[in-house]
Amino acid sequence: MVAKISLEEALLGTMVTVRTIDHRTVRIPITDVVFPGYEKVVENEGMPILDKYPQKGNLIIRLAVEFPNYLPKSSKELIARGFTMAKIGGGVSQHEVINKLVLADKILRSRS
């Protein structure tokens, strides 16, 4: 299956909800940075194997990243600053720094 996620979710992580063929809802955490061609394999949640019923195959989720149509200049500068800080941050992961910067930006905007 293909699941659409935002650029933010691709970088910071998300939870993908899948409705299975047997009418169950499965929530799949995506904690990796999603890159072009990324696939998440969920063992034993795919289609039933006919000659081995009730055994199931693997569910393969391909993630399609939806990019925003527009980003204000201030947002681009903030993201660029996050990547720069991560490069010189000495072991701090990029998504953590960006997440903190985005949160700080939201707090500043709510005070305005």
PDB file of N, CA and C in Angstrom:
ATOM      1  N   MET A   1       0.832  -1.180   0.000  1.00  0.00           N
ATOM      2  CA  MET A   1       0.000   0.000   0.000  1.00  0.00           C
ATOM      3  C   MET A   1       0.873   1.238   0.000  1.00  0.00           C
ATOM      4  N   VAL A   2       0.282   2.358  -0.372  1.00  0.00           N
ATOM      5  CA  VAL A   2       0.974   3.642  -0.357  1.00  0.00           C
ATOM      6  C   VAL A   2       0.271   4.539   0.660  1.00  0.00           C
ATOM      7  N   ALA A   3       1.047   5.125   1.547  1.00  0.00           N
ATOM      8  CA  ALA A   3       0.519   6.076   2.525  1.00  0.00           C
ATOM      9  C   ALA A   3       1.146   7.433   2.258  1.00  0.00           C
ATOM     10  N   LYS A   4       0.317   8.465   2.254  1.00  0.00           N
ATOM     11  CA  LYS A   4       0.810   9.829   2.055  1.00  0.00           C
ATOM     12  C   LYS A   4       1.116  10.443   3.412  1.00  0.00           C
ATOM     13  N   ILE A   5       2.301  11.073   3.501  1.00  0.00           N
ATOM     14  CA  ILE A   5       2.684  11.780   4.717  1.00  0.00           C
ATOM     15  C   ILE A   5       3.256  13.137   4.337  1.00  0.00           C
ATOM     16  N   SER A   6       3.243  14.051   5.278  1.00  0.00           N
ATOM     17  CA  SER A   6       3.776  15.389   5.023  1.00  0.00           C
ATOM     18  C   SER A   6       5.299  15.375   5.142  1.00  0.00           C
ATOM     19  N   LEU A   7       5.931  16.428   4.651  1.00  0.00           N
ATOM     20  CA  LEU A   7       7.375  16.574   4.777  1.00  0.00           C
ATOM     21  C   LEU A   7       7.771  16.597   6.251  1.00  0.00           C
ATOM     22  N   GLU A   8       6.999  17.273   7.058  1.00  0.00           N
ATOM     23  CA  GLU A   8       7.264  17.317   8.499  1.00  0.00           C
ATOM     24  C   GLU A   8       7.269  15.900   9.078  1.00  0.00           C
ATOM     25  N   GLU A   9       6.268  15.105   8.727  1.00  0.00           N
ATOM     26  CA  GLU A   9       6.195  13.731   9.224  1.00  0.00           C
ATOM     27  C   GLU A   9       7.358  12.884   8.700  1.00  0.00           C
ATOM     28  N   ALA A  10       7.761  13.135   7.458  1.00  0.00           N
ATOM     29  CA  ALA A  10       8.877  12.393   6.873  1.00  0.00           C
ATOM     30  C   ALA A  10      10.174  12.661   7.628  1.00  0.00           C
ATOM     31  N   LEU A  11      10.350  13.870   8.112  1.00  0.00           N
ATOM     32  CA  LEU A  11      11.573  14.231   8.818  1.00  0.00           C
ATOM     33  C   LEU A  11      11.522  13.919  10.308  1.00  0.00           C
ATOM     34  N   LEU A  12      10.341  14.098  10.914  1.00  0.00           N
ATOM     35  CA  LEU A  12      10.240  13.998  12.369  1.00  0.00           C
ATOM     36  C   LEU A  12       9.611  12.710  12.872  1.00  0.00           C
ATOM     37  N   GLY A  13       8.976  11.948  11.985  1.00  0.00           N
ATOM     38  CA  GLY A  13       8.312  10.722  12.400  1.00  0.00           C
ATOM     39  C   GLY A  13       6.806  10.898  12.460  1.00  0.00           C
ATOM     40  N   THR A  14       6.101   9.772  12.394  1.00  0.00           N
ATOM     41  CA  THR A  14       4.646   9.815  12.403  1.00  0.00           C
ATOM     42  C   THR A  14       4.096   8.428  12.712  1.00  0.00           C
ATOM     43  N   MET A  15       2.802   8.324  12.748  1.00  0.00           N
ATOM     44  CA  MET A  15       2.110   7.058  12.921  1.00  0.00           C
ATOM     45  C   MET A  15       1.190   6.884  11.715  1.00  0.00           C
ATOM     46  N   VAL A  16       1.341   5.766  11.012  1.00  0.00           N
ATOM     47  CA  VAL A  16       0.502   5.478   9.852  1.00  0.00           C
ATOM     48  C   VAL A  16      -0.563   4.483  10.290  1.00  0.00           C
ATOM     49  N   THR A  17      -1.812   4.794  10.016  1.00  0.00           N
ATOM     50  CA  THR A  17      -2.917   3.914  10.367  1.00  0.00           C
ATOM     51  C   THR A  17      -3.345   3.140   9.125  1.00  0.00           C
ATOM     52  N   VAL A  18      -3.400   1.816   9.267  1.00  0.00           N
ATOM     53  CA  VAL A  18      -3.730   0.937   8.148  1.00  0.00           C
ATOM     54  C   VAL A  18      -4.957   0.113   8.506  1.00  0.00           C
ATOM     55  N   ARG A  19      -5.910   0.078   7.609  1.00  0.00           N
ATOM     56  CA  ARG A  19      -7.088  -0.794   7.755  1.00  0.00           C
ATOM     57  C   ARG A  19      -6.763  -2.081   6.993  1.00  0.00           C
ATOM     58  N   THR A  20      -6.714  -3.213   7.701  1.00  0.00           N
ATOM     59  CA  THR A  20      -6.314  -4.472   7.088  1.00  0.00           C
ATOM     60  C   THR A  20      -7.477  -5.125   6.359  1.00  0.00           C
ATOM     61  N   ILE A  21      -7.155  -6.143   5.561  1.00  0.00           N
ATOM     62  CA  ILE A  21      -8.164  -6.856   4.784  1.00  0.00           C
ATOM     63  C   ILE A  21      -9.168  -7.569   5.691  1.00  0.00           C
ATOM     64  N   ASP A  22      -8.744  -7.904   6.904  1.00  0.00           N
ATOM     65  CA  ASP A  22      -9.661  -8.561   7.841  1.00  0.00           C
ATOM     66  C   ASP A  22     -10.305  -7.551   8.802  1.00  0.00           C
ATOM     67  N   HIS A  23     -10.385  -6.309   8.378  1.00  0.00           N
ATOM     68  CA  HIS A  23     -11.113  -5.220   9.049  1.00  0.00           C
ATOM     69  C   HIS A  23     -10.533  -4.813  10.408  1.00  0.00           C
ATOM     70  N   ARG A  24      -9.258  -5.010  10.585  1.00  0.00           N
ATOM     71  CA  ARG A  24      -8.595  -4.518  11.784  1.00  0.00           C
ATOM     72  C   ARG A  24      -7.894  -3.209  11.457  1.00  0.00           C
ATOM     73  N   THR A  25      -7.647  -2.423  12.490  1.00  0.00           N
ATOM     74  CA  THR A  25      -6.890  -1.182  12.325  1.00  0.00           C
ATOM     75  C   THR A  25      -5.542  -1.373  12.996  1.00  0.00           C
ATOM     76  N   VAL A  26      -4.486  -1.174  12.229  1.00  0.00           N
ATOM     77  CA  VAL A  26      -3.121  -1.337  12.730  1.00  0.00           C
ATOM     78  C   VAL A  26      -2.420   0.010  12.635  1.00  0.00           C
ATOM     79  N   ARG A  27      -1.781   0.407  13.733  1.00  0.00           N
ATOM     80  CA  ARG A  27      -1.030   1.664  13.755  1.00  0.00           C
ATOM     81  C   ARG A  27       0.450   1.325  13.674  1.00  0.00           C
ATOM     82  N   ILE A  28       1.110   1.877  12.656  1.00  0.00           N
ATOM     83  CA  ILE A  28       2.505   1.582  12.379  1.00  0.00           C
ATOM     84  C   ILE A  28       3.349   2.828  12.657  1.00  0.00           C
ATOM     85  N   PRO A  29       4.247   2.774  13.653  1.00  0.00           N
ATOM     86  CA  PRO A  29       5.111   3.934  13.897  1.00  0.00           C
ATOM     87  C   PRO A  29       6.204   4.035  12.836  1.00  0.00           C
ATOM     88  N   ILE A  30       6.407   5.237  12.347  1.00  0.00           N
ATOM     89  CA  ILE A  30       7.495   5.519  11.408  1.00  0.00           C
ATOM     90  C   ILE A  30       8.460   6.432  12.154  1.00  0.00           C
ATOM     91  N   THR A  31       9.596   5.885  12.536  1.00  0.00           N
ATOM     92  CA  THR A  31      10.557   6.659  13.329  1.00  0.00           C
ATOM     93  C   THR A  31      11.808   7.021  12.536  1.00  0.00           C
ATOM     94  N   ASP A  32      12.002   6.379  11.395  1.00  0.00           N
ATOM     95  CA  ASP A  32      13.147   6.697  10.539  1.00  0.00           C
ATOM     96  C   ASP A  32      12.867   7.970   9.751  1.00  0.00           C
ATOM     97  N   VAL A  33      13.922   8.606   9.267  1.00  0.00           N
ATOM     98  CA  VAL A  33      13.746   9.690   8.304  1.00  0.00           C
ATOM     99  C   VAL A  33      13.355   9.031   6.985  1.00  0.00           C
ATOM    100  N   VAL A  34      12.239   9.466   6.422  1.00  0.00           N
ATOM    101  CA  VAL A  34      11.731   8.866   5.184  1.00  0.00           C
ATOM    102  C   VAL A  34      12.433   9.508   3.993  1.00  0.00           C
ATOM    103  N   PHE A  35      12.980   8.674   3.129  1.00  0.00           N
ATOM    104  CA  PHE A  35      13.713   9.119   1.949  1.00  0.00           C
ATOM    105  C   PHE A  35      13.037   8.543   0.712  1.00  0.00           C
ATOM    106  N   PRO A  36      13.351   9.056  -0.491  1.00  0.00           N
ATOM    107  CA  PRO A  36      12.749   8.513  -1.712  1.00  0.00           C
ATOM    108  C   PRO A  36      12.991   7.005  -1.814  1.00  0.00           C
ATOM    109  N   GLY A  37      11.925   6.263  -2.054  1.00  0.00           N
ATOM    110  CA  GLY A  37      12.010   4.815  -2.165  1.00  0.00           C
ATOM    111  C   GLY A  37      11.869   4.084  -0.836  1.00  0.00           C
ATOM    112  N   TYR A  38      11.663   4.809   0.257  1.00  0.00           N
ATOM    113  CA  TYR A  38      11.537   4.202   1.580  1.00  0.00           C
ATOM    114  C   TYR A  38      10.321   3.280   1.634  1.00  0.00           C
ATOM    115  N   GLU A  39      10.505   2.125   2.228  1.00  0.00           N
ATOM    116  CA  GLU A  39       9.410   1.183   2.449  1.00  0.00           C
ATOM    117  C   GLU A  39       9.475   0.676   3.885  1.00  0.00           C
ATOM    118  N   LYS A  40       8.326   0.549   4.499  1.00  0.00           N
ATOM    119  CA  LYS A  40       8.224  -0.020   5.838  1.00  0.00           C
ATOM    120  C   LYS A  40       7.593  -1.397   5.674  1.00  0.00           C
ATOM    121  N   VAL A  41       8.258  -2.439   6.165  1.00  0.00           N
ATOM    122  CA  VAL A  41       7.750  -3.806   6.074  1.00  0.00           C
ATOM    123  C   VAL A  41       7.208  -4.205   7.441  1.00  0.00           C
ATOM    124  N   VAL A  42       5.938  -4.621   7.466  1.00  0.00           N
ATOM    125  CA  VAL A  42       5.306  -5.080   8.696  1.00  0.00           C
ATOM    126  C   VAL A  42       5.028  -6.568   8.530  1.00  0.00           C
ATOM    127  N   GLU A  43       5.750  -7.361   9.272  1.00  0.00           N
ATOM    128  CA  GLU A  43       5.652  -8.807   9.117  1.00  0.00           C
ATOM    129  C   GLU A  43       4.279  -9.326   9.547  1.00  0.00           C
ATOM    130  N   ASN A  44       3.776 -10.293   8.783  1.00  0.00           N
ATOM    131  CA  ASN A  44       2.546 -11.031   9.085  1.00  0.00           C
ATOM    132  C   ASN A  44       1.286 -10.166   9.134  1.00  0.00           C
ATOM    133  N   GLU A  45       1.281  -9.035   8.441  1.00  0.00           N
ATOM    134  CA  GLU A  45       0.084  -8.179   8.384  1.00  0.00           C
ATOM    135  C   GLU A  45      -0.401  -7.979   6.957  1.00  0.00           C
ATOM    136  N   GLY A  46       0.158  -8.732   6.013  1.00  0.00           N
ATOM    137  CA  GLY A  46      -0.216  -8.586   4.609  1.00  0.00           C
ATOM    138  C   GLY A  46      -1.360  -9.514   4.210  1.00  0.00           C
ATOM    139  N   MET A  47      -1.391  -9.849   2.938  1.00  0.00           N
ATOM    140  CA  MET A  47      -2.443 -10.704   2.387  1.00  0.00           C
ATOM    141  C   MET A  47      -2.282 -12.139   2.894  1.00  0.00           C
ATOM    142  N   PRO A  48      -3.398 -12.858   3.055  1.00  0.00           N
ATOM    143  CA  PRO A  48      -3.316 -14.270   3.451  1.00  0.00           C
ATOM    144  C   PRO A  48      -2.582 -15.087   2.381  1.00  0.00           C
ATOM    145  N   ILE A  49      -1.811 -16.068   2.832  1.00  0.00           N
ATOM    146  CA  ILE A  49      -1.114 -16.974   1.925  1.00  0.00           C
ATOM    147  C   ILE A  49      -2.045 -18.158   1.690  1.00  0.00           C
ATOM    148  N   LEU A  50      -2.518 -18.326   0.456  1.00  0.00           N
ATOM    149  CA  LEU A  50      -3.570 -19.293   0.155  1.00  0.00           C
ATOM    150  C   LEU A  50      -3.265 -20.710   0.623  1.00  0.00           C
ATOM    151  N   ASP A  51      -2.108 -21.232   0.312  1.00  0.00           N
ATOM    152  CA  ASP A  51      -1.825 -22.620   0.668  1.00  0.00           C
ATOM    153  C   ASP A  51      -1.289 -22.774   2.097  1.00  0.00           C
ATOM    154  N   LYS A  52      -1.234 -21.665   2.841  1.00  0.00           N
ATOM    155  CA  LYS A  52      -0.774 -21.714   4.238  1.00  0.00           C
ATOM    156  C   LYS A  52      -1.735 -20.972   5.163  1.00  0.00           C
ATOM    157  N   TYR A  53      -3.010 -20.888   4.763  1.00  0.00           N
ATOM    158  CA  TYR A  53      -3.997 -20.168   5.570  1.00  0.00           C
ATOM    159  C   TYR A  53      -4.035 -20.758   6.971  1.00  0.00           C
ATOM    160  N   PRO A  54      -4.083 -19.970   8.041  1.00  0.00           N
ATOM    161  CA  PRO A  54      -4.337 -18.532   8.136  1.00  0.00           C
ATOM    162  C   PRO A  54      -3.078 -17.664   8.160  1.00  0.00           C
ATOM    163  N   GLN A  55      -1.947 -18.210   7.759  1.00  0.00           N
ATOM    164  CA  GLN A  55      -0.709 -17.425   7.726  1.00  0.00           C
ATOM    165  C   GLN A  55      -0.836 -16.279   6.738  1.00  0.00           C
ATOM    166  N   LYS A  56      -0.210 -15.142   7.098  1.00  0.00           N
ATOM    167  CA  LYS A  56      -0.251 -13.951   6.240  1.00  0.00           C
ATOM    168  C   LYS A  56       1.156 -13.574   5.798  1.00  0.00           C
ATOM    169  N   GLY A  57       1.217 -12.914   4.671  1.00  0.00           N
ATOM    170  CA  GLY A  57       2.484 -12.382   4.183  1.00  0.00           C
ATOM    171  C   GLY A  57       2.793 -11.060   4.862  1.00  0.00           C
ATOM    172  N   ASN A  58       3.801 -10.389   4.365  1.00  0.00           N
ATOM    173  CA  ASN A  58       4.201  -9.103   4.928  1.00  0.00           C
ATOM    174  C   ASN A  58       3.440  -7.961   4.260  1.00  0.00           C
ATOM    175  N   LEU A  59       3.133  -6.968   5.046  1.00  0.00           N
ATOM    176  CA  LEU A  59       2.526  -5.736   4.534  1.00  0.00           C
ATOM    177  C   LEU A  59       3.666  -4.785   4.211  1.00  0.00           C
ATOM    178  N   ILE A  60       3.706  -4.297   2.989  1.00  0.00           N
ATOM    179  CA  ILE A  60       4.738  -3.348   2.584  1.00  0.00           C
ATOM    180  C   ILE A  60       4.076  -1.988   2.386  1.00  0.00           C
ATOM    181  N   ILE A  61       4.530  -1.023   3.156  1.00  0.00           N
ATOM    182  CA  ILE A  61       3.979   0.336   3.074  1.00  0.00           C
ATOM    183  C   ILE A  61       5.017   1.217   2.404  1.00  0.00           C
ATOM    184  N   ARG A  62       4.648   1.777   1.270  1.00  0.00           N
ATOM    185  CA  ARG A  62       5.496   2.758   0.594  1.00  0.00           C
ATOM    186  C   ARG A  62       4.986   4.136   1.015  1.00  0.00           C
ATOM    187  N   LEU A  63       5.905   5.007   1.373  1.00  0.00           N
ATOM    188  CA  LEU A  63       5.511   6.323   1.860  1.00  0.00           C
ATOM    189  C   LEU A  63       5.755   7.375   0.790  1.00  0.00           C
ATOM    190  N   ALA A  64       4.711   8.103   0.481  1.00  0.00           N
ATOM    191  CA  ALA A  64       4.776   9.194  -0.485  1.00  0.00           C
ATOM    192  C   ALA A  64       4.776  10.507   0.297  1.00  0.00           C
ATOM    193  N   VAL A  65       5.844  11.256   0.159  1.00  0.00           N
ATOM    194  CA  VAL A  65       5.986  12.509   0.903  1.00  0.00           C
ATOM    195  C   VAL A  65       5.350  13.643   0.116  1.00  0.00           C
ATOM    196  N   GLU A  66       4.402  14.309   0.759  1.00  0.00           N
ATOM    197  CA  GLU A  66       3.749  15.471   0.144  1.00  0.00           C
ATOM    198  C   GLU A  66       4.457  16.732   0.636  1.00  0.00           C
ATOM    199  N   PHE A  67       5.002  17.460  -0.297  1.00  0.00           N
ATOM    200  CA  PHE A  67       5.713  18.687   0.039  1.00  0.00           C
ATOM    201  C   PHE A  67       4.721  19.843   0.114  1.00  0.00           C
ATOM    202  N   PRO A  68       5.009  20.835   0.971  1.00  0.00           N
ATOM    203  CA  PRO A  68       4.121  21.997   1.034  1.00  0.00           C
ATOM    204  C   PRO A  68       4.182  22.789  -0.266  1.00  0.00           C
ATOM    205  N   ASN A  69       3.080  23.438  -0.610  1.00  0.00           N
ATOM    206  CA  ASN A  69       3.044  24.276  -1.801  1.00  0.00           C
ATOM    207  C   ASN A  69       3.798  25.581  -1.605  1.00  0.00           C
ATOM    208  N   TYR A  70       3.888  26.007  -0.343  1.00  0.00           N
ATOM    209  CA  TYR A  70       4.500  27.304  -0.065  1.00  0.00           C
ATOM    210  C   TYR A  70       5.112  27.274   1.334  1.00  0.00           C
ATOM    211  N   LEU A  71       6.247  27.901   1.477  1.00  0.00           N
ATOM    212  CA  LEU A  71       6.859  28.134   2.783  1.00  0.00           C
ATOM    213  C   LEU A  71       7.276  29.586   2.856  1.00  0.00           C
ATOM    214  N   PRO A  72       6.852  30.291   3.896  1.00  0.00           N
ATOM    215  CA  PRO A  72       7.298  31.672   4.048  1.00  0.00           C
ATOM    216  C   PRO A  72       8.815  31.729   4.227  1.00  0.00           C
ATOM    217  N   LYS A  73       9.380  32.854   3.866  1.00  0.00           N
ATOM    218  CA  LYS A  73      10.828  33.038   3.970  1.00  0.00           C
ATOM    219  C   LYS A  73      11.306  32.800   5.397  1.00  0.00           C
ATOM    220  N   SER A  74      10.527  33.243   6.371  1.00  0.00           N
ATOM    221  CA  SER A  74      10.925  33.061   7.774  1.00  0.00           C
ATOM    222  C   SER A  74      11.005  31.579   8.135  1.00  0.00           C
ATOM    223  N   SER A  75      10.111  30.772   7.587  1.00  0.00           N
ATOM    224  CA  SER A  75      10.146  29.331   7.845  1.00  0.00           C
ATOM    225  C   SER A  75      11.365  28.689   7.198  1.00  0.00           C
ATOM    226  N   LYS A  76      11.671  29.104   5.981  1.00  0.00           N
ATOM    227  CA  LYS A  76      12.852  28.573   5.298  1.00  0.00           C
ATOM    228  C   LYS A  76      14.115  28.914   6.082  1.00  0.00           C
ATOM    229  N   GLU A  77      14.187  30.149   6.582  1.00  0.00           N
ATOM    230  CA  GLU A  77      15.355  30.562   7.358  1.00  0.00           C
ATOM    231  C   GLU A  77      15.472  29.745   8.639  1.00  0.00           C
ATOM    232  N   LEU A  78      14.340  29.475   9.269  1.00  0.00           N
ATOM    233  CA  LEU A  78      14.318  28.697  10.496  1.00  0.00           C
ATOM    234  C   LEU A  78      14.785  27.262  10.245  1.00  0.00           C
ATOM    235  N   ILE A  79      14.312  26.667   9.180  1.00  0.00           N
ATOM    236  CA  ILE A  79      14.720  25.306   8.828  1.00  0.00           C
ATOM    237  C   ILE A  79      16.206  25.271   8.475  1.00  0.00           C
ATOM    238  N   ALA A  80      16.661  26.256   7.709  1.00  0.00           N
ATOM    239  CA  ALA A  80      18.081  26.326   7.357  1.00  0.00           C
ATOM    240  C   ALA A  80      18.933  26.449   8.615  1.00  0.00           C
ATOM    241  N   ARG A  81      18.487  27.253   9.559  1.00  0.00           N
ATOM    242  CA  ARG A  81      19.213  27.417  10.818  1.00  0.00           C
ATOM    243  C   ARG A  81      19.263  26.084  11.582  1.00  0.00           C
ATOM    244  N   GLY A  82      18.166  25.340  11.540  1.00  0.00           N
ATOM    245  CA  GLY A  82      18.134  24.036  12.202  1.00  0.00           C
ATOM    246  C   GLY A  82      19.143  23.066  11.613  1.00  0.00           C
ATOM    247  N   PHE A  83      19.228  23.024  10.282  1.00  0.00           N
ATOM    248  CA  PHE A  83      20.199  22.141   9.644  1.00  0.00           C
ATOM    249  C   PHE A  83      21.627  22.583   9.954  1.00  0.00           C
ATOM    250  N   THR A  84      21.862  23.888   9.960  1.00  0.00           N
ATOM    251  CA  THR A  84      23.196  24.400  10.284  1.00  0.00           C
ATOM    252  C   THR A  84      23.565  24.038  11.719  1.00  0.00           C
ATOM    253  N   MET A  85      22.648  24.233  12.650  1.00  0.00           N
ATOM    254  CA  MET A  85      22.902  23.898  14.047  1.00  0.00           C
ATOM    255  C   MET A  85      23.167  22.408  14.219  1.00  0.00           C
ATOM    256  N   ALA A  86      22.436  21.571  13.482  1.00  0.00           N
ATOM    257  CA  ALA A  86      22.630  20.129  13.586  1.00  0.00           C
ATOM    258  C   ALA A  86      24.008  19.723  13.074  1.00  0.00           C
ATOM    259  N   LYS A  87      24.470  20.387  12.032  1.00  0.00           N
ATOM    260  CA  LYS A  87      25.786  20.053  11.475  1.00  0.00           C
ATOM    261  C   LYS A  87      26.909  20.382  12.448  1.00  0.00           C
ATOM    262  N   ILE A  88      26.736  21.458  13.217  1.00  0.00           N
ATOM    263  CA  ILE A  88      27.786  21.856  14.150  1.00  0.00           C
ATOM    264  C   ILE A  88      27.429  21.515  15.589  1.00  0.00           C
ATOM    265  N   GLY A  89      26.306  20.854  15.780  1.00  0.00           N
ATOM    266  CA  GLY A  89      25.769  20.616  17.116  1.00  0.00           C
ATOM    267  C   GLY A  89      26.451  19.554  17.942  1.00  0.00           C
ATOM    268  N   GLY A  90      27.371  18.821  17.375  1.00  0.00           N
ATOM    269  CA  GLY A  90      28.103  17.847  18.173  1.00  0.00           C
ATOM    270  C   GLY A  90      27.253  16.693  18.665  1.00  0.00           C
ATOM    271  N   GLY A  91      26.657  15.942  17.754  1.00  0.00           N
ATOM    272  CA  GLY A  91      25.932  14.734  18.145  1.00  0.00           C
ATOM    273  C   GLY A  91      24.436  14.910  18.300  1.00  0.00           C
ATOM    274  N   VAL A  92      23.945  16.120  18.222  1.00  0.00           N
ATOM    275  CA  VAL A  92      22.503  16.327  18.320  1.00  0.00           C
ATOM    276  C   VAL A  92      21.887  15.990  16.967  1.00  0.00           C
ATOM    277  N   SER A  93      20.835  15.185  16.984  1.00  0.00           N
ATOM    278  CA  SER A  93      20.218  14.797  15.715  1.00  0.00           C
ATOM    279  C   SER A  93      19.516  15.981  15.069  1.00  0.00           C
ATOM    280  N   GLN A  94      19.518  15.991  13.749  1.00  0.00           N
ATOM    281  CA  GLN A  94      18.929  17.098  13.001  1.00  0.00           C
ATOM    282  C   GLN A  94      17.447  17.260  13.307  1.00  0.00           C
ATOM    283  N   HIS A  95      16.698  16.167  13.348  1.00  0.00           N
ATOM    284  CA  HIS A  95      15.257  16.300  13.561  1.00  0.00           C
ATOM    285  C   HIS A  95      14.946  16.866  14.945  1.00  0.00           C
ATOM    286  N   GLU A  96      15.768  16.561  15.929  1.00  0.00           N
ATOM    287  CA  GLU A  96      15.555  17.089  17.275  1.00  0.00           C
ATOM    288  C   GLU A  96      15.731  18.607  17.297  1.00  0.00           C
ATOM    289  N   VAL A  97      16.781  19.091  16.665  1.00  0.00           N
ATOM    290  CA  VAL A  97      17.041  20.526  16.623  1.00  0.00           C
ATOM    291  C   VAL A  97      15.937  21.246  15.865  1.00  0.00           C
ATOM    292  N   ILE A  98      15.550  20.698  14.714  1.00  0.00           N
ATOM    293  CA  ILE A  98      14.500  21.332  13.917  1.00  0.00           C
ATOM    294  C   ILE A  98      13.186  21.339  14.688  1.00  0.00           C
ATOM    295  N   ASN A  99      12.878  20.249  15.360  1.00  0.00           N
ATOM    296  CA  ASN A  99      11.648  20.176  16.141  1.00  0.00           C
ATOM    297  C   ASN A  99      11.631  21.270  17.213  1.00  0.00           C
ATOM    298  N   LYS A 100      12.751  21.465  17.899  1.00  0.00           N
ATOM    299  CA  LYS A 100      12.834  22.500  18.925  1.00  0.00           C
ATOM    300  C   LYS A 100      12.701  23.895  18.325  1.00  0.00           C
ATOM    301  N   LEU A 101      13.325  24.115  17.175  1.00  0.00           N
ATOM    302  CA  LEU A 101      13.228  25.420  16.530  1.00  0.00           C
ATOM    303  C   LEU A 101      11.805  25.715  16.066  1.00  0.00           C
ATOM    304  N   VAL A 102      11.133  24.710  15.509  1.00  0.00           N
ATOM    305  CA  VAL A 102       9.753  24.902  15.061  1.00  0.00           C
ATOM    306  C   VAL A 102       8.856  25.192  16.260  1.00  0.00           C
ATOM    307  N   LEU A 103       9.061  24.472  17.363  1.00  0.00           N
ATOM    308  CA  LEU A 103       8.286  24.715  18.571  1.00  0.00           C
ATOM    309  C   LEU A 103       8.528  26.133  19.089  1.00  0.00           C
ATOM    310  N   ALA A 104       9.786  26.551  19.106  1.00  0.00           N
ATOM    311  CA  ALA A 104      10.100  27.916  19.560  1.00  0.00           C
ATOM    312  C   ALA A 104       9.445  28.954  18.659  1.00  0.00           C
ATOM    313  N   ASP A 105       9.445  28.698  17.346  1.00  0.00           N
ATOM    314  CA  ASP A 105       8.805  29.606  16.404  1.00  0.00           C
ATOM    315  C   ASP A 105       7.307  29.699  16.667  1.00  0.00           C
ATOM    316  N   LYS A 106       6.664  28.559  16.945  1.00  0.00           N
ATOM    317  CA  LYS A 106       5.218  28.554  17.240  1.00  0.00           C
ATOM    318  C   LYS A 106       4.915  29.348  18.512  1.00  0.00           C
ATOM    319  N   ILE A 107       5.767  29.187  19.518  1.00  0.00           N
ATOM    320  CA  ILE A 107       5.572  29.923  20.767  1.00  0.00           C
ATOM    321  C   ILE A 107       5.705  31.409  20.518  1.00  0.00           C
ATOM    322  N   LEU A 108       6.720  31.815  19.764  1.00  0.00           N
ATOM    323  CA  LEU A 108       6.916  33.228  19.470  1.00  0.00           C
ATOM    324  C   LEU A 108       5.740  33.801  18.677  1.00  0.00           C
ATOM    325  N   ARG A 109       5.220  33.022  17.728  1.00  0.00           N
ATOM    326  CA  ARG A 109       4.093  33.491  16.920  1.00  0.00           C
ATOM    327  C   ARG A 109       2.822  33.624  17.760  1.00  0.00           C
ATOM    328  N   SER A 110       2.618  32.742  18.723  1.00  0.00           N
ATOM    329  CA  SER A 110       1.406  32.803  19.547  1.00  0.00           C
ATOM    330  C   SER A 110       1.428  34.008  20.489  1.00  0.00           C
ATOM    331  N   ARG A 111       2.600  34.504  20.808  1.00  0.00           N
ATOM    332  CA  ARG A 111       2.732  35.678  21.674  1.00  0.00           C
ATOM    333  C   ARG A 111       2.504  36.974  20.913  1.00  0.00           C
ATOM    334  N   SER A 112       2.597  36.915  19.588  1.00  0.00           N
ATOM    335  CA  SER A 112       2.463  38.137  18.793  1.00  0.00           C
ATOM    336  C   SER A 112       1.027  38.553  18.662  1.00  0.00           C
TER     337      SER A 112
END
